[in-house]
């Protein structure tokens, strides 16, 4: 699970949200241009799931009271499950079910986002102004190595499972009075600044979103898939890195041991014949067996008579 917070996909969050909203409408726009049979993906939040693009622009751009020209007006939250997680969701819920449940999960993520500020009056996603958009695909950009090498064209679809959600969230809360910045990571080192914009622990937020996913969908996450594992390998001390690597090795050893005990429990013959059709000879009744023995005895007497 990859959850990230940035200024904007288009690089500018100090003016209108119109450019970003238009960018995130690209799948709907492309399907319309190609005249494909495609159900549009509307924007959503806790109240509605059929929000139009113009409503998103108005909602974000009108919620900027007392923000100066150079201040951020909104942020972008990217929720990107891994291919393994997406395949798991689709196997459990189907294609459409996975989409709907991923949207509900996104609303829970924004609930955790609000609570992570630890500010009075900011108790959940109902205290935020935000709009989410599910995207079914990802597309190559000029930043991708494959484009620079000429292997693919800019705008081509990336292969594999790419479903993800982008959320535009206002810098101001729903009352349009409180400033909230998820890029403030002071954790109390600057008390005055934290009081103004809220103290936001991004590490705790990412861990919370991962825990939400696992508990909501019953996902059995391996250590190497966890945010803690990746974050420790990137930022941890040598001892911390060795510790998580050892935990991952132990988990893998337990997994292999379980697989081996499973095969042993089935028995050797069952394991060897697993998935293969077995020929079973038809049973013979006792009368046929006796006749065959009697005939064999007569043949023996005749052969002995000839030899004499």
Foldseek 3Di string as FASTA:
>chain_A
DDKDKFLAPVPDQLAFCLVRLVVLQVVVVVCVVVVHPDDGQAKDAPPDRHHHSVVLRCLQRVLAPPPDSPDGFKMKMKFWDDLVLLVLLCVVQNDVRSVVVVVVLVQVLQQLVQVQLVDPPSRGNLFWRKIKTKDFWDFAAPPDPCCVVVVDHGGHTDDGGTIIMMMITTQATPVSPAGADLVAQCVCVDVVVCNRHGHHHVVVSQQVSVVSSCVVSVDDDQLCRHPLLVCCVVDNDPVSNVVSVVVNVVVVVVVVVVVVVVLVVCPDVCNVCPPHDDDDDDDDDPVVVVVVVVVVVVVVVVVVVVVD
